């Protein structure tokens, strides 16, 4: 699983002009699942733990020293199969390394459930839909997490 994590002051997802999810301060997580990731709840649990405990929120002294749980923010998880786009050849990305939709949907839901179990308030983007994602990156702070490295 690959995650692009952005600290935000607010974010929302719209589908067909209708808001399906929104958060105030917190994290937007663009989540992609690789083709070989049908199993691995352990990886999902490790990623969820890393997300809620990343010290990327400012404390009273202005230092990034607080986690999402300490700061009290929400998480907006947006399915993003394009994170596995392979552009090494040609100009058109290959999506062959992205998991099939049924596997990806199950794994992303496992991530959301693990985040909720850890105490996070989670909102979800829409799977298999054309989404418009609006966010205000706070900082900006952007982190990339790869499950194979966690």
C-alpha atoms as a PDB file:
ATOM      1  CA  UNK A   1       0.000   0.000   0.000  1.00  0.00           C
ATOM      2  CA  UNK A   2       1.203   3.490  -0.844  1.00  0.00           C
ATOM      3  CA  UNK A   3      -0.045   6.552   0.971  1.00  0.00           C
ATOM      4  CA  UNK A   4       0.450  10.222   0.209  1.00  0.00           C
ATOM      5  CA  UNK A   5      -0.337  12.053   3.439  1.00  0.00           C
ATOM      6  CA  UNK A   6      -1.041  15.767   3.549  1.00  0.00           C
ATOM      7  CA  UNK A   7      -1.664  17.837   6.677  1.00  0.00           C
ATOM      8  CA  UNK A   8      -4.660  20.032   5.915  1.00  0.00           C
ATOM      9  CA  UNK A   9      -6.682  22.802   7.498  1.00  0.00           C
ATOM     10  CA  UNK A  10      -9.740  21.461   5.636  1.00  0.00           C
ATOM     11  CA  UNK A  11     -10.640  19.060   2.835  1.00  0.00           C
ATOM     12  CA  UNK A  12     -13.658  17.726   0.972  1.00  0.00           C
ATOM     13  CA  UNK A  13     -14.542  15.204  -1.718  1.00  0.00           C
ATOM     14  CA  UNK A  14     -17.331  15.758  -4.215  1.00  0.00           C
ATOM     15  CA  UNK A  15     -18.913  13.278  -6.605  1.00  0.00           C
ATOM     16  CA  UNK A  16     -21.241  14.642  -9.301  1.00  0.00           C
ATOM     17  CA  UNK A  17     -21.402  18.000  -7.518  1.00  0.00           C
ATOM     18  CA  UNK A  18     -22.402  16.462  -4.170  1.00  0.00           C
ATOM     19  CA  UNK A  19     -20.111  16.500  -1.131  1.00  0.00           C
ATOM     20  CA  UNK A  20     -19.604  12.907   0.024  1.00  0.00           C
ATOM     21  CA  UNK A  21     -16.955  13.528   2.700  1.00  0.00           C
ATOM     22  CA  UNK A  22     -15.282  16.442   4.433  1.00  0.00           C
ATOM     23  CA  UNK A  23     -13.010  17.209   7.366  1.00  0.00           C
ATOM     24  CA  UNK A  24     -11.647  20.246   9.144  1.00  0.00           C
ATOM     25  CA  UNK A  25      -8.036  20.170  10.352  1.00  0.00           C
ATOM     26  CA  UNK A  26      -6.336  16.795   9.962  1.00  0.00           C
ATOM     27  CA  UNK A  27      -4.908  14.560   7.263  1.00  0.00           C
ATOM     28  CA  UNK A  28      -5.847  13.757   3.696  1.00  0.00           C
ATOM     29  CA  UNK A  29      -4.576  10.300   2.801  1.00  0.00           C
ATOM     30  CA  UNK A  30      -4.424   9.323  -0.862  1.00  0.00           C
ATOM     31  CA  UNK A  31      -4.320   5.518  -0.682  1.00  0.00           C
ATOM     32  CA  UNK A  32      -3.238   3.107  -3.418  1.00  0.00           C
ATOM     33  CA  UNK A  33      -3.045  -0.678  -3.243  1.00  0.00           C
ATOM     34  CA  UNK A  34      -0.584  -2.762  -5.248  1.00  0.00           C
ATOM     35  CA  UNK A  35      -1.446  -5.876  -7.241  1.00  0.00           C
ATOM     36  CA  UNK A  36       0.391  -8.219  -4.859  1.00  0.00           C
ATOM     37  CA  UNK A  37      -1.306  -6.914  -1.719  1.00  0.00           C
ATOM     38  CA  UNK A  38      -4.311  -9.207  -1.342  1.00  0.00           C
ATOM     39  CA  UNK A  39      -3.148 -10.209   2.142  1.00  0.00           C
ATOM     40  CA  UNK A  40      -1.345  -8.327   4.828  1.00  0.00           C
ATOM     41  CA  UNK A  41      -3.550  -6.959   7.596  1.00  0.00           C
ATOM     42  CA  UNK A  42      -0.341  -6.592   9.604  1.00  0.00           C
ATOM     43  CA  UNK A  43       0.909  -4.027   7.105  1.00  0.00           C
ATOM     44  CA  UNK A  44      -2.437  -2.222   7.228  1.00  0.00           C
ATOM     45  CA  UNK A  45      -2.317  -2.080  11.035  1.00  0.00           C
ATOM     46  CA  UNK A  46       1.280  -0.785  10.963  1.00  0.00           C
ATOM     47  CA  UNK A  47       0.360   1.931   8.453  1.00  0.00           C
ATOM     48  CA  UNK A  48      -2.666   2.960  10.522  1.00  0.00           C
ATOM     49  CA  UNK A  49      -0.506   3.184  13.644  1.00  0.00           C
ATOM     50  CA  UNK A  50       2.092   5.229  11.808  1.00  0.00           C
ATOM     51  CA  UNK A  51      -0.562   7.625  10.493  1.00  0.00           C
ATOM     52  CA  UNK A  52      -2.238   8.426  13.795  1.00  0.00           C
ATOM     53  CA  UNK A  53       1.096   8.767  15.629  1.00  0.00           C
ATOM     54  CA  UNK A  54       3.075  10.801  13.056  1.00  0.00           C
ATOM     55  CA  UNK A  55       4.260  13.916  14.883  1.00  0.00           C
ATOM     56  CA  UNK A  56       3.449  16.438  12.170  1.00  0.00           C
ATOM     57  CA  UNK A  57       1.121  18.784  14.043  1.00  0.00           C
ATOM     58  CA  UNK A  58       2.463  21.846  15.818  1.00  0.00           C
ATOM     59  CA  UNK A  59       2.577  22.140  19.589  1.00  0.00           C
ATOM     60  CA  UNK A  60       2.255  25.356  21.606  1.00  0.00           C
ATOM     61  CA  UNK A  61       5.875  26.253  20.745  1.00  0.00           C
ATOM     62  CA  UNK A  62       5.214  25.912  16.998  1.00  0.00           C
ATOM     63  CA  UNK A  63       7.220  22.687  16.623  1.00  0.00           C
ATOM     64  CA  UNK A  64       5.889  19.614  14.851  1.00  0.00           C
ATOM     65  CA  UNK A  65       5.596  17.546  17.987  1.00  0.00           C
ATOM     66  CA  UNK A  66       1.970  16.376  18.151  1.00  0.00           C
ATOM     67  CA  UNK A  67       0.199  13.460  16.533  1.00  0.00           C
ATOM     68  CA  UNK A  68      -3.204  13.475  14.865  1.00  0.00           C
ATOM     69  CA  UNK A  69      -4.712  11.923  17.984  1.00  0.00           C
ATOM     70  CA  UNK A  70      -3.166  14.616  20.183  1.00  0.00           C
ATOM     71  CA  UNK A  71      -4.214  17.415  17.822  1.00  0.00           C
ATOM     72  CA  UNK A  72      -7.744  16.049  17.500  1.00  0.00           C
ATOM     73  CA  UNK A  73      -7.984  16.156  13.712  1.00  0.00           C
ATOM     74  CA  UNK A  74      -9.818  13.946  11.246  1.00  0.00           C
ATOM     75  CA  UNK A  75      -8.612  11.765   8.400  1.00  0.00           C
ATOM     76  CA  UNK A  76     -10.035  11.807   4.886  1.00  0.00           C
ATOM     77  CA  UNK A  77      -9.021   8.629   3.024  1.00  0.00           C
ATOM     78  CA  UNK A  78      -9.240   8.913  -0.755  1.00  0.00           C
ATOM     79  CA  UNK A  79      -8.806   5.787  -2.930  1.00  0.00           C
ATOM     80  CA  UNK A  80      -6.105   6.531  -5.514  1.00  0.00           C
ATOM     81  CA  UNK A  81      -5.142   3.659  -7.841  1.00  0.00           C
ATOM     82  CA  UNK A  82      -2.981   6.043  -9.862  1.00  0.00           C
ATOM     83  CA  UNK A  83      -0.341   5.925  -7.104  1.00  0.00           C
ATOM     84  CA  UNK A  84       0.745   2.673  -8.760  1.00  0.00           C
ATOM     85  CA  UNK A  85       1.047   4.189 -12.233  1.00  0.00           C
ATOM     86  CA  UNK A  86       4.257   3.048 -13.924  1.00  0.00           C
ATOM     87  CA  UNK A  87       5.724   5.700 -16.230  1.00  0.00           C
ATOM     88  CA  UNK A  88       9.119   4.145 -16.927  1.00  0.00           C
ATOM     89  CA  UNK A  89       8.188   3.402 -20.534  1.00  0.00           C
ATOM     90  CA  UNK A  90       6.474   5.695 -22.965  1.00  0.00           C
ATOM     91  CA  UNK A  91       4.162   8.511 -22.067  1.00  0.00           C
ATOM     92  CA  UNK A  92       1.039   6.649 -21.036  1.00  0.00           C
ATOM     93  CA  UNK A  93       1.118   5.235 -17.501  1.00  0.00           C
ATOM     94  CA  UNK A  94       0.645   1.516 -17.052  1.00  0.00           C
ATOM     95  CA  UNK A  95      -1.748   0.538 -14.274  1.00  0.00           C
ATOM     96  CA  UNK A  96      -0.670  -3.129 -14.200  1.00  0.00           C
ATOM     97  CA  UNK A  97       0.841  -2.776 -10.711  1.00  0.00           C
ATOM     98  CA  UNK A  98      -2.414  -1.450  -9.203  1.00  0.00           C
ATOM     99  CA  UNK A  99      -4.600  -4.010  -7.440  1.00  0.00           C
ATOM    100  CA  UNK A 100      -7.947  -4.980  -8.970  1.00  0.00           C
ATOM    101  CA  UNK A 101     -10.783  -2.830  -7.607  1.00  0.00           C
ATOM    102  CA  UNK A 102     -12.291  -5.520  -5.350  1.00  0.00           C
ATOM    103  CA  UNK A 103      -8.967  -6.169  -3.594  1.00  0.00           C
ATOM    104  CA  UNK A 104      -8.105  -2.476  -3.359  1.00  0.00           C
ATOM    105  CA  UNK A 105     -11.500  -1.589  -1.913  1.00  0.00           C
ATOM    106  CA  UNK A 106     -11.221  -4.282   0.750  1.00  0.00           C
ATOM    107  CA  UNK A 107      -7.679  -3.221   1.745  1.00  0.00           C
ATOM    108  CA  UNK A 108      -8.566   0.473   1.928  1.00  0.00           C
ATOM    109  CA  UNK A 109     -11.581  -0.353   4.075  1.00  0.00           C
ATOM    110  CA  UNK A 110      -9.260  -2.406   6.347  1.00  0.00           C
ATOM    111  CA  UNK A 111      -7.057   0.687   6.676  1.00  0.00           C
ATOM    112  CA  UNK A 112     -10.054   2.879   7.550  1.00  0.00           C
ATOM    113  CA  UNK A 113     -11.291   0.373  10.123  1.00  0.00           C
ATOM    114  CA  UNK A 114      -7.830   0.115  11.691  1.00  0.00           C
ATOM    115  CA  UNK A 115      -7.634   3.923  11.910  1.00  0.00           C
ATOM    116  CA  UNK A 116     -11.051   4.043  13.608  1.00  0.00           C
ATOM    117  CA  UNK A 117     -10.004   1.316  16.052  1.00  0.00           C
ATOM    118  CA  UNK A 118      -7.055   3.519  17.029  1.00  0.00           C
ATOM    119  CA  UNK A 119      -9.418   6.407  17.791  1.00  0.00           C
ATOM    120  CA  UNK A 120      -9.285   8.448  14.585  1.00  0.00           C
ATOM    121  CA  UNK A 121     -12.332  10.100  13.042  1.00  0.00           C
ATOM    122  CA  UNK A 122     -12.301   8.802   9.454  1.00  0.00           C
ATOM    123  CA  UNK A 123     -14.168  10.019   6.398  1.00  0.00           C
ATOM    124  CA  UNK A 124     -13.991   8.181   3.092  1.00  0.00           C
ATOM    125  CA  UNK A 125     -13.796   9.243  -0.511  1.00  0.00           C
ATOM    126  CA  UNK A 126     -15.893   7.339  -3.033  1.00  0.00           C
ATOM    127  CA  UNK A 127     -14.492   4.153  -4.522  1.00  0.00           C
ATOM    128  CA  UNK A 128     -14.749   3.701  -8.321  1.00  0.00           C
ATOM    129  CA  UNK A 129     -16.092   7.231  -8.777  1.00  0.00           C
ATOM    130  CA  UNK A 130     -14.727  10.334 -10.430  1.00  0.00           C
ATOM    131  CA  UNK A 131     -13.964  12.549  -7.431  1.00  0.00           C
ATOM    132  CA  UNK A 132     -13.120  16.188  -7.046  1.00  0.00           C
ATOM    133  CA  UNK A 133     -10.810  16.525  -4.043  1.00  0.00           C
ATOM    134  CA  UNK A 134     -10.440  19.978  -2.563  1.00  0.00           C
ATOM    135  CA  UNK A 135      -7.927  20.581   0.190  1.00  0.00           C
ATOM    136  CA  UNK A 136      -5.912  23.279   1.850  1.00  0.00           C
ATOM    137  CA  UNK A 137      -2.469  21.839   2.576  1.00  0.00           C
ATOM    138  CA  UNK A 138      -1.316  23.242   5.908  1.00  0.00           C
ATOM    139  CA  UNK A 139       2.389  24.033   5.950  1.00  0.00           C
ATOM    140  CA  UNK A 140       2.625  22.537   3.368  1.00  0.00           C
ATOM    141  CA  UNK A 141       3.315  19.174   4.963  1.00  0.00           C
ATOM    142  CA  UNK A 142       3.303  16.146   2.654  1.00  0.00           C
ATOM    143  CA  UNK A 143       4.669  12.698   3.558  1.00  0.00           C
ATOM    144  CA  UNK A 144       4.841   9.531   1.456  1.00  0.00           C
ATOM    145  CA  UNK A 145       4.412   6.190   3.220  1.00  0.00           C
ATOM    146  CA  UNK A 146       5.073   2.898   1.487  1.00  0.00           C
ATOM    147  CA  UNK A 147       3.792  -0.149   3.329  1.00  0.00           C
ATOM    148  CA  UNK A 148       6.856  -2.161   2.422  1.00  0.00           C
ATOM    149  CA  UNK A 149       8.962   0.357   4.372  1.00  0.00           C
ATOM    150  CA  UNK A 150       6.824   0.548   7.520  1.00  0.00           C
END
